[in-house]
Amino acid sequence: MGVVAPVFAMVAGEASGDVLGADLIRALKKYYPNAVFEGIGGPKMQAEGFHSLFEMDRLSVMGFVEPLKRLPELLGIRRSVIKRYLDKQPAAFIGIDSPDFNDTIEFKLHRAGVKTIHYVSPSVWAWRQGRIKKIKKSIDLMLCLLPFEAAFYEQHEVPVRFVGHPLAGQFKSEPDTEGARVQLGLDSDRPVLCIMPGSRAGEVNMMTEVFLDTAQSLMASIDGLQLIIPAANKARYAQLTGLLALRPDLDIKLIMQQSHAAMESSDVVLLASGTTALEAMLLKKPMVVSYKLGALTYKLVAPFIKTPFVSIPNLLANKMLVPELIQGQAVASNLSAAVLAALDKSKRSELAAVFAKLHDQLAVESGDIAAAAIVDLVSAGDSF
């Protein structure tokens, strides 16, 4: 009688999770060459032999209105996944990011005795920390991309493994600033400010005006300053084109995507807080981090924010490496002063050295570490 192949159920809801899932599948195959991988995943996971029961795109919804419209379908998919893995329990269930979709699946399967893993911590360490109570009841293991996240789960006695951040391996140790400028048609001997107002429509509407006011001020202070804005997609390109049309006196190079090249070409990055700050750090670029919410939204959200910093470089270092100008502080005079300070050559050199150490800390073999942790978890109960 042959050995039964283990089944690993996985659910990824967006492109970033698909990348993590594919990497994890490759690593798990080293331990279980005949394993079956199924659930919900995208093309990269499927290229590794993963069987997707539903199209991953059906889970990729944004905003408030679209999820409400699609709620019956999403609930139906989730019920189907839960029933399948309650009826025939897998060796483990691995929810990859998408916590709003995966947390209920993990809770119900965990309660039924299925080993459950969540890959990519939700920002529970930053706000709404009460969610940790449900997480403790829902998972056997949390796989974190950032070390300070692991410390938070250890503090709350949730089994955790820091696995590094997959973005770290995509960046070289030294940026090729000159090469990026050639690629983008920028002058090599003039300073460059890269402006990153966000990837969502609301962010762009909220941040672009103050960022352009800042650029206007800096043009008067920095001789020959070049300005570049990479648009995240076609919709953001059209949106930014309209906003820039209102500023004919500003000479700004608007490009489609190529955000890494735009940041790599720059002397400093002015950005809306988010993953972009991590990318700028990995490119060893000085940055000024800013963010604004609507006044009512900020008033509602502020009491639930429990972290002293908002940007990943500062969170990793546990100190204010880069300036953060949030809400009422996000005005052109403050931002301009911060950009000018960030251009100081001696400070830039010191900051790059710190960023290099943080880069090394994150640049580990995430898939292999995650797979080894999962193997440790499930091996005690092996029946295959």
Protein backbone atom coordinates (compact mmCIF):
# COMPACT_ATOMS: atom_id res chain seq x y z
CA MET A 1 0.00 0.00 0.00
CA GLY A 2 1.47 3.39 -1.05
CA VAL A 3 2.06 6.34 1.21
CA VAL A 4 -0.78 8.88 1.17
CA ALA A 5 0.37 12.27 -0.07
CA PRO A 6 -0.24 15.13 2.37
CA VAL A 7 -2.67 17.88 1.32
CA PHE A 8 -1.78 21.48 2.07
CA ALA A 9 -4.72 23.85 1.74
CA MET A 10 -3.78 27.44 0.97
CA VAL A 11 -5.77 30.61 0.32
CA ALA A 12 -4.16 33.70 -1.21
CA GLY A 13 -6.32 36.66 -2.19
CA GLU A 14 -4.03 38.96 -4.13
CA ALA A 15 -0.90 39.11 -6.27
CA SER A 16 1.56 39.59 -3.40
CA GLY A 17 0.14 36.51 -1.67
CA ASP A 18 0.42 34.54 -4.90
CA VAL A 19 4.17 35.28 -4.97
CA LEU A 20 4.59 34.16 -1.35
CA GLY A 21 2.48 31.08 -1.94
CA ALA A 22 4.50 29.97 -4.97
CA ASP A 23 7.76 30.39 -3.03
CA LEU A 24 6.34 28.40 -0.11
CA ILE A 25 5.11 25.58 -2.36
CA ARG A 26 8.57 25.20 -3.88
CA ALA A 27 10.10 25.01 -0.41
CA LEU A 28 7.53 22.53 0.95
CA LYS A 29 8.12 20.22 -2.01
CA LYS A 30 11.65 19.66 -0.70
CA TYR A 31 10.11 17.95 2.33
CA TYR A 32 7.01 16.47 0.68
CA PRO A 33 7.74 15.83 -3.03
CA ASN A 34 4.35 14.20 -3.55
CA ALA A 35 2.26 16.70 -1.60
CA VAL A 36 -1.00 18.08 -2.99
CA PHE A 37 -1.44 21.86 -2.88
CA GLU A 38 -4.92 23.26 -3.36
CA GLY A 39 -7.33 26.01 -2.31
CA ILE A 40 -7.32 29.48 -3.84
CA GLY A 41 -4.28 30.92 -5.56
CA GLY A 42 -3.08 32.79 -8.60
CA PRO A 43 -1.00 32.00 -11.67
CA LYS A 44 2.35 31.79 -9.88
CA MET A 45 1.04 29.23 -7.41
CA GLN A 46 -0.67 27.32 -10.20
CA ALA A 47 2.61 27.20 -12.13
CA GLU A 48 3.98 25.22 -9.16
CA GLY A 49 1.21 22.62 -9.52
CA PHE A 50 -1.34 24.28 -7.22
CA HIS A 51 -5.02 23.48 -7.89
CA SER A 52 -7.18 26.59 -7.42
CA LEU A 53 -10.82 25.86 -6.61
CA PHE A 54 -11.84 29.44 -7.44
CA GLU A 55 -10.22 32.27 -9.36
CA MET A 56 -8.06 34.31 -6.99
CA ASP A 57 -9.28 37.52 -8.62
CA ARG A 58 -12.72 36.91 -7.11
CA LEU A 59 -11.22 37.74 -3.69
CA SER A 60 -9.38 40.87 -4.84
CA VAL A 61 -11.85 43.60 -3.95
CA MET A 62 -11.07 47.16 -2.86
CA GLY A 63 -12.86 49.99 -1.10
CA PHE A 64 -16.24 49.80 0.63
CA VAL A 65 -18.86 49.54 -2.13
CA GLU A 66 -17.43 46.70 -4.20
CA PRO A 67 -17.03 44.28 -1.25
CA LEU A 68 -20.64 44.96 -0.23
CA LYS A 69 -21.86 44.21 -3.76
CA ARG A 70 -19.83 41.02 -3.84
CA LEU A 71 -20.53 39.94 -0.26
CA PRO A 72 -22.89 37.04 -1.09
CA GLU A 73 -20.34 35.57 -3.51
CA LEU A 74 -17.43 36.03 -1.10
CA LEU A 75 -19.36 34.43 1.77
CA GLY A 76 -20.32 31.55 -0.49
CA ILE A 77 -16.70 30.92 -1.46
CA ARG A 78 -15.62 31.04 2.16
CA ARG A 79 -18.35 28.59 3.22
CA SER A 80 -17.28 26.24 0.44
CA VAL A 81 -13.64 26.34 1.55
CA ILE A 82 -14.57 25.70 5.19
CA LYS A 83 -16.85 22.78 4.33
CA ARG A 84 -14.25 21.16 2.07
CA TYR A 85 -11.55 21.18 4.73
CA LEU A 86 -13.84 20.22 7.58
CA ASP A 87 -15.04 17.21 5.59
CA LYS A 88 -11.54 16.16 4.54
CA GLN A 89 -8.98 17.69 6.85
CA PRO A 90 -5.67 18.71 5.26
CA ALA A 91 -2.24 18.36 6.83
CA ALA A 92 -2.42 22.13 7.36
CA PHE A 93 -4.36 25.18 6.25
CA ILE A 94 -2.24 28.19 5.30
CA GLY A 95 -3.95 31.56 4.94
CA ILE A 96 -1.70 33.95 3.04
CA ASP A 97 -2.42 37.57 3.94
CA SER A 98 -6.07 38.60 3.19
CA PRO A 99 -6.97 38.43 6.91
CA ASP A 100 -10.54 39.64 6.45
CA PHE A 101 -11.25 36.58 4.32
CA ASN A 102 -8.97 34.03 6.00
CA ASP A 103 -9.55 34.70 9.69
CA THR A 104 -12.95 32.99 9.84
CA ILE A 105 -11.67 30.00 7.86
CA GLU A 106 -8.72 29.68 10.22
CA PHE A 107 -10.92 29.99 13.32
CA LYS A 108 -13.36 27.27 12.26
CA LEU A 109 -10.72 24.85 10.99
CA HIS A 110 -8.53 25.36 14.06
CA ARG A 111 -11.50 24.64 16.31
CA ALA A 112 -11.99 21.37 14.41
CA GLY A 113 -8.38 20.32 14.98
CA VAL A 114 -6.79 21.37 11.68
CA LYS A 115 -3.30 22.84 11.98
CA THR A 116 -3.67 26.46 10.86
CA ILE A 117 -0.97 28.91 9.79
CA HIS A 118 -1.28 32.56 8.81
CA TYR A 119 1.42 33.97 6.54
CA VAL A 120 1.89 37.79 6.73
CA SER A 121 0.76 39.38 9.96
CA PRO A 122 -2.12 41.84 9.85
CA SER A 123 -1.18 45.19 11.39
CA VAL A 124 -2.59 44.15 14.75
CA TRP A 125 0.59 45.47 16.44
CA ALA A 126 -0.23 48.95 15.13
CA TRP A 127 -3.94 49.34 15.69
CA ARG A 128 -6.99 47.44 17.00
CA GLN A 129 -4.76 45.27 19.16
CA GLY A 130 -7.83 43.54 20.58
CA ARG A 131 -7.82 41.39 17.44
CA ILE A 132 -5.00 39.37 18.98
CA LYS A 133 -7.59 37.49 21.08
CA LYS A 134 -9.25 35.99 18.00
CA ILE A 135 -5.89 35.33 16.36
CA LYS A 136 -4.82 33.28 19.40
CA LYS A 137 -7.98 31.18 19.03
CA SER A 138 -7.54 30.76 15.27
CA ILE A 139 -3.98 29.77 14.46
CA ASP A 140 -1.19 27.44 15.48
CA LEU A 141 1.53 29.54 13.87
CA MET A 142 2.01 33.09 12.61
CA LEU A 143 4.63 33.70 9.92
CA CYS A 144 5.84 37.32 10.08
CA LEU A 145 7.74 39.34 7.50
CA LEU A 146 9.17 41.83 9.99
CA PRO A 147 11.05 41.18 13.25
CA PHE A 148 9.14 43.68 15.40
CA GLU A 149 5.94 41.82 14.47
CA ALA A 150 7.40 38.59 15.85
CA ALA A 151 8.24 40.34 19.12
CA PHE A 152 4.61 41.45 19.44
CA TYR A 153 3.28 37.90 19.02
CA GLU A 154 5.85 36.50 21.44
CA GLN A 155 4.67 39.06 23.97
CA HIS A 156 1.12 37.76 23.53
CA GLU A 157 2.19 34.08 23.60
CA VAL A 158 1.22 33.33 20.02
CA PRO A 159 3.57 30.85 18.25
CA VAL A 160 5.46 32.85 15.64
CA ARG A 161 8.37 32.68 13.21
CA PHE A 162 10.09 35.62 11.56
CA VAL A 163 10.73 34.62 7.93
CA GLY A 164 12.11 37.83 6.40
CA HIS A 165 10.57 40.03 3.73
CA PRO A 166 10.45 38.82 0.11
CA LEU A 167 10.97 42.36 -1.18
CA ALA A 168 14.44 42.46 0.38
CA GLY A 169 15.77 39.87 -2.04
CA GLN A 170 14.61 41.90 -5.04
CA PHE A 171 16.96 44.82 -4.38
CA LYS A 172 20.72 44.97 -4.81
CA SER A 173 22.89 46.08 -1.93
CA GLU A 174 23.83 49.29 -3.78
CA PRO A 175 21.43 51.36 -5.92
CA ASP A 176 22.42 52.24 -9.49
CA THR A 177 21.36 55.88 -9.38
CA GLU A 178 23.16 56.84 -12.59
CA GLY A 179 21.73 53.88 -14.52
CA ALA A 180 18.21 54.71 -13.36
CA ARG A 181 18.60 58.31 -14.49
CA VAL A 182 19.76 57.20 -17.92
CA GLN A 183 16.81 54.79 -18.14
CA LEU A 184 14.32 57.55 -17.30
CA GLY A 185 15.91 60.31 -19.35
CA LEU A 186 16.97 62.44 -16.38
CA ASP A 187 20.08 64.61 -16.21
CA SER A 188 22.81 62.94 -14.18
CA ASP A 189 24.27 66.17 -12.79
CA ARG A 190 21.05 67.71 -11.43
CA PRO A 191 19.28 66.73 -8.17
CA VAL A 192 16.14 64.57 -8.38
CA LEU A 193 13.12 64.48 -6.08
CA CYS A 194 10.84 61.47 -6.51
CA ILE A 195 7.26 62.15 -5.41
CA MET A 196 5.10 59.16 -4.44
CA PRO A 197 1.54 60.28 -3.51
CA GLY A 198 0.10 56.76 -3.22
CA SER A 199 -1.48 54.00 -5.31
CA ARG A 200 -5.16 54.48 -4.42
CA ALA A 201 -7.41 57.21 -5.78
CA GLY A 202 -8.24 58.58 -2.33
CA GLU A 203 -4.59 58.77 -1.31
CA VAL A 204 -3.64 60.57 -4.51
CA ASN A 205 -6.44 63.10 -4.07
CA MET A 206 -5.46 63.69 -0.46
CA MET A 207 -1.65 63.87 -0.84
CA THR A 208 -0.90 65.29 -4.29
CA GLU A 209 -1.81 68.91 -3.62
CA VAL A 210 0.42 69.27 -0.56
CA PHE A 211 3.22 67.37 -2.31
CA LEU A 212 3.01 69.70 -5.31
CA ASP A 213 2.99 72.72 -3.00
CA THR A 214 6.15 71.28 -1.47
CA ALA A 215 7.72 70.79 -4.90
CA GLN A 216 6.87 74.38 -5.81
CA SER A 217 8.67 75.63 -2.72
CA LEU A 218 11.70 73.40 -3.30
CA MET A 219 12.07 74.54 -6.91
CA ALA A 220 12.81 78.00 -5.56
CA SER A 221 15.40 76.62 -3.09
CA ILE A 222 17.27 73.97 -5.12
CA ASP A 223 18.91 74.91 -8.39
CA GLY A 224 18.09 72.60 -11.29
CA LEU A 225 15.79 70.34 -9.26
CA GLN A 226 14.20 67.56 -11.33
CA LEU A 227 10.80 66.21 -10.28
CA ILE A 228 9.47 62.77 -11.15
CA ILE A 229 6.23 60.99 -10.24
CA PRO A 230 5.61 57.32 -11.11
CA ALA A 231 1.92 56.47 -11.51
CA ALA A 232 0.93 53.09 -10.04
CA ASN A 233 -1.40 52.21 -12.93
CA LYS A 234 -3.39 53.68 -15.84
CA ALA A 235 -6.11 55.04 -13.57
CA ARG A 236 -3.61 56.84 -11.35
CA TYR A 237 -1.79 58.15 -14.44
CA ALA A 238 -5.00 59.71 -15.72
CA GLN A 239 -5.79 61.10 -12.26
CA LEU A 240 -2.33 62.63 -11.86
CA THR A 241 -2.40 64.03 -15.39
CA GLY A 242 -5.54 65.97 -14.43
CA LEU A 243 -4.00 67.24 -11.20
CA LEU A 244 -0.77 68.29 -12.89
CA ALA A 245 -2.71 70.16 -15.57
CA LEU A 246 -3.70 72.58 -12.81
CA ARG A 247 0.02 73.29 -12.19
CA PRO A 248 1.41 74.30 -15.62
CA ASP A 249 4.28 76.16 -13.95
CA LEU A 250 5.64 72.90 -12.45
CA ASP A 251 7.92 70.86 -14.72
CA ILE A 252 7.25 67.32 -13.52
CA LYS A 253 8.07 64.09 -15.34
CA LEU A 254 5.06 61.78 -14.95
CA ILE A 255 5.77 58.17 -15.88
CA MET A 256 3.75 54.96 -15.97
CA GLN A 257 4.79 52.62 -13.14
CA GLN A 258 8.59 52.10 -12.95
CA SER A 259 8.41 53.19 -9.30
CA HIS A 260 11.62 51.39 -8.33
CA ALA A 261 13.56 53.09 -11.13
CA ALA A 262 12.07 56.48 -10.18
CA MET A 263 13.12 56.06 -6.55
CA GLU A 264 16.52 54.68 -7.54
CA SER A 265 17.14 57.77 -9.69
CA SER A 266 16.41 60.16 -6.85
CA ASP A 267 18.39 61.99 -4.19
CA VAL A 268 15.38 61.94 -1.86
CA VAL A 269 11.86 60.47 -1.95
CA LEU A 270 8.77 62.31 -0.72
CA LEU A 271 6.19 59.61 -0.13
CA ALA A 272 2.83 58.68 1.30
CA SER A 273 3.33 56.18 4.11
CA GLY A 274 3.07 52.53 3.09
CA THR A 275 5.15 49.78 1.48
CA THR A 276 6.87 52.50 -0.58
CA ALA A 277 8.85 53.48 2.53
CA LEU A 278 10.25 49.94 2.75
CA GLU A 279 11.18 50.04 -0.93
CA ALA A 280 12.92 53.39 -0.53
CA MET A 281 14.83 51.97 2.43
CA LEU A 282 15.94 48.94 0.40
CA LEU A 283 17.15 51.37 -2.27
CA LYS A 284 19.12 53.22 0.47
CA LYS A 285 17.31 56.48 -0.29
CA PRO A 286 16.64 59.31 2.17
CA MET A 287 12.91 59.90 2.47
CA VAL A 288 10.28 62.11 3.97
CA VAL A 289 7.17 60.18 5.01
CA SER A 290 3.78 61.83 5.14
CA TYR A 291 0.13 60.89 5.31
CA LYS A 292 -3.26 62.51 5.73
CA LEU A 293 -6.75 61.17 6.31
CA GLY A 294 -10.04 62.99 6.23
CA ALA A 295 -10.56 64.83 9.51
CA LEU A 296 -13.48 62.65 10.64
CA THR A 297 -11.74 59.41 9.63
CA TYR A 298 -8.60 60.39 11.52
CA LYS A 299 -10.61 61.28 14.61
CA LEU A 300 -12.24 57.84 14.53
CA VAL A 301 -9.04 55.91 13.81
CA ALA A 302 -6.54 57.76 16.02
CA PRO A 303 -7.61 56.20 19.37
CA PHE A 304 -6.91 52.71 17.99
CA ILE A 305 -3.36 53.44 16.77
CA LYS A 306 -0.87 51.97 19.24
CA THR A 307 2.47 52.40 17.49
CA PRO A 308 4.89 55.33 17.95
CA PHE A 309 5.87 55.28 14.26
CA VAL A 310 4.06 54.76 10.96
CA SER A 311 6.90 53.98 8.55
CA ILE A 312 8.64 50.62 8.33
CA PRO A 313 12.21 52.01 8.53
CA ASN A 314 11.41 53.68 11.86
CA LEU A 315 9.56 50.64 13.14
CA LEU A 316 12.47 48.37 12.24
CA ALA A 317 14.99 50.64 13.94
CA ASN A 318 12.62 51.52 16.79
CA LYS A 319 13.63 55.14 16.44
CA MET A 320 12.97 58.11 14.16
CA LEU A 321 15.40 57.43 11.31
CA VAL A 322 13.31 59.31 8.77
CA PRO A 323 10.89 62.19 9.35
CA GLU A 324 7.18 61.42 9.60
CA LEU A 325 4.82 64.33 9.02
CA ILE A 326 1.29 63.13 9.59
CA GLN A 327 -2.11 64.81 9.44
CA GLY A 328 -1.81 68.41 10.70
CA GLN A 329 1.99 68.35 10.34
CA ALA A 330 1.67 67.49 6.64
CA VAL A 331 1.98 71.01 5.27
CA ALA A 332 4.29 72.28 2.54
CA SER A 333 6.52 74.34 4.87
CA ASN A 334 7.27 71.31 7.07
CA LEU A 335 7.72 68.93 4.16
CA SER A 336 10.03 71.33 2.30
CA ALA A 337 12.23 71.77 5.36
CA ALA A 338 12.41 68.01 5.86
CA VAL A 339 13.37 67.36 2.22
CA LEU A 340 16.12 70.00 2.41
CA ALA A 341 17.48 68.41 5.59
CA ALA A 342 17.38 64.95 3.97
CA LEU A 343 19.64 66.21 1.16
CA ASP A 344 22.55 66.76 3.57
CA LYS A 345 25.33 64.50 2.22
CA SER A 346 26.79 63.42 5.56
CA LYS A 347 23.36 62.45 6.89
CA ARG A 348 22.61 60.58 3.66
CA SER A 349 25.75 58.49 4.06
CA GLU A 350 24.96 57.61 7.68
CA LEU A 351 21.38 56.72 6.80
CA ALA A 352 22.45 54.48 3.90
CA ALA A 353 24.69 52.49 6.27
CA VAL A 354 21.80 51.92 8.68
CA PHE A 355 19.48 50.98 5.82
CA ALA A 356 22.06 48.44 4.59
CA LYS A 357 22.02 46.67 7.96
CA LEU A 358 18.21 46.59 8.01
CA HIS A 359 18.23 45.27 4.43
CA ASP A 360 20.51 42.38 5.46
CA GLN A 361 18.21 41.59 8.38
CA LEU A 362 15.24 41.15 6.05
CA ALA A 363 17.03 39.44 3.14
CA VAL A 364 16.71 35.80 4.20
CA GLU A 365 15.25 32.76 2.43
CA SER A 366 11.64 33.37 3.40
CA GLY A 367 10.15 30.31 1.71
CA ASP A 368 12.66 27.90 3.22
CA ILE A 369 12.28 29.33 6.74
CA ALA A 370 8.47 29.31 6.48
CA ALA A 371 8.44 25.74 5.14
CA ALA A 372 10.71 24.48 7.94
CA ALA A 373 8.42 26.07 10.55
CA ILE A 374 5.36 24.45 8.96
CA VAL A 375 7.08 21.06 8.83
CA ASP A 376 7.94 21.34 12.51
CA LEU A 377 4.30 22.12 13.27
CA VAL A 378 2.68 19.29 11.31
CA SER A 379 5.30 16.54 11.67
CA ALA A 380 4.23 15.54 15.19
CA GLY A 381 0.80 14.64 13.88
CA ASP A 382 1.89 13.05 10.59
CA SER A 383 -0.47 10.33 9.39
CA PHE A 384 0.67 10.31 5.78
